[in-house]
Amino acid sequence: MTEIASPHISHPRIMVLGVQPGTPPFRIMEIDGVVVGEARTVTDVLAAAAAFGVPIHDMDDPDVVRWVGGDKYTWRLH
């Protein structure tokens, strides 16, 4: 397999992990592979990214943010 034929695998700086049980439920957030805290809303993700100097122009861009176990609208356990 050549490089051209291999799939592109991005390594985004921000990872928002799956929903965790809590009151209210939350998602663990990592920036550059380090856990930086809990996010309960999309606004929390934007605020944490800004605090660490990571600009987010498109929350749906997988090269910027990887949503694990749901997307930016998933904030409750199913």
Protein backbone atom coordinates (compact mmCIF):
# COMPACT_ATOMS: atom_id res chain seq x y z
CA MET A 1 0.00 0.00 0.00
CA THR A 2 1.35 3.40 -0.86
CA GLU A 3 0.85 6.58 1.11
CA ILE A 4 -1.57 7.86 -1.50
CA ALA A 5 -3.75 4.77 -1.16
CA SER A 6 -3.81 4.84 2.64
CA PRO A 7 -6.65 6.64 4.41
CA HIS A 8 -6.05 10.01 6.03
CA ILE A 9 -6.07 9.69 9.81
CA SER A 10 -6.24 13.05 11.52
CA HIS A 11 -4.85 13.76 14.95
CA PRO A 12 -6.99 16.65 16.18
CA ARG A 13 -5.77 18.72 19.10
CA ILE A 14 -9.18 18.46 20.81
CA MET A 15 -10.96 15.24 21.77
CA VAL A 16 -14.35 15.21 23.45
CA LEU A 17 -14.95 11.75 24.89
CA GLY A 18 -18.25 9.92 25.42
CA VAL A 19 -20.94 11.00 27.85
CA GLN A 20 -20.32 10.06 31.49
CA PRO A 21 -23.05 9.62 34.09
CA GLY A 22 -23.47 12.53 36.45
CA THR A 23 -25.85 15.25 37.50
CA PRO A 24 -25.75 16.69 34.93
CA PRO A 25 -24.02 14.25 32.54
CA PHE A 26 -20.66 15.41 31.22
CA ARG A 27 -17.97 14.59 28.67
CA ILE A 28 -14.26 14.48 29.42
CA MET A 29 -12.23 16.80 27.23
CA GLU A 30 -8.61 16.40 26.14
CA ILE A 31 -6.37 18.95 24.46
CA ASP A 32 -3.09 17.73 22.97
CA GLY A 33 -3.59 14.37 24.70
CA VAL A 34 -3.97 15.86 28.20
CA VAL A 35 -7.26 15.76 30.13
CA VAL A 36 -8.23 19.40 30.72
CA GLY A 37 -11.61 18.97 32.35
CA GLU A 38 -15.28 18.21 31.91
CA ALA A 39 -17.62 19.71 29.34
CA ARG A 40 -21.36 19.82 29.87
CA THR A 41 -22.19 21.85 26.77
CA VAL A 42 -20.68 22.92 23.45
CA THR A 43 -19.97 26.27 25.10
CA ASP A 44 -17.71 24.52 27.63
CA VAL A 45 -15.74 22.99 24.76
CA LEU A 46 -15.30 26.39 23.11
CA ALA A 47 -14.29 28.04 26.39
CA ALA A 48 -11.69 25.38 27.23
CA ALA A 49 -10.24 25.53 23.72
CA ALA A 50 -9.95 29.31 23.95
CA ALA A 51 -8.31 29.07 27.38
CA PHE A 52 -5.64 26.79 25.90
CA GLY A 53 -5.20 28.96 22.80
CA VAL A 54 -6.75 26.50 20.36
CA PRO A 55 -8.98 28.26 17.83
CA ILE A 56 -12.09 26.42 16.67
CA HIS A 57 -13.64 27.74 13.48
CA ASP A 58 -15.66 24.63 12.60
CA MET A 59 -16.77 22.21 15.32
CA ASP A 60 -17.60 19.63 12.64
CA ASP A 61 -14.05 19.56 11.23
CA PRO A 62 -12.52 16.20 12.30
CA ASP A 63 -9.03 17.68 11.89
CA VAL A 64 -9.84 20.12 14.71
CA VAL A 65 -12.25 18.30 17.07
CA ARG A 66 -12.89 14.58 17.41
CA TRP A 67 -16.22 13.73 19.00
CA VAL A 68 -16.10 10.23 20.55
CA GLY A 69 -19.36 8.47 21.37
CA GLY A 70 -21.59 11.08 19.79
CA ASP A 71 -21.42 14.48 18.21
CA LYS A 72 -21.66 18.08 19.39
CA TYR A 73 -25.36 17.53 20.13
CA THR A 74 -24.83 14.45 22.38
CA TRP A 75 -24.84 15.48 26.04
CA ARG A 76 -27.04 12.81 27.66
CA LEU A 77 -26.67 9.06 28.17
CA HIS A 78 -28.90 6.94 25.96
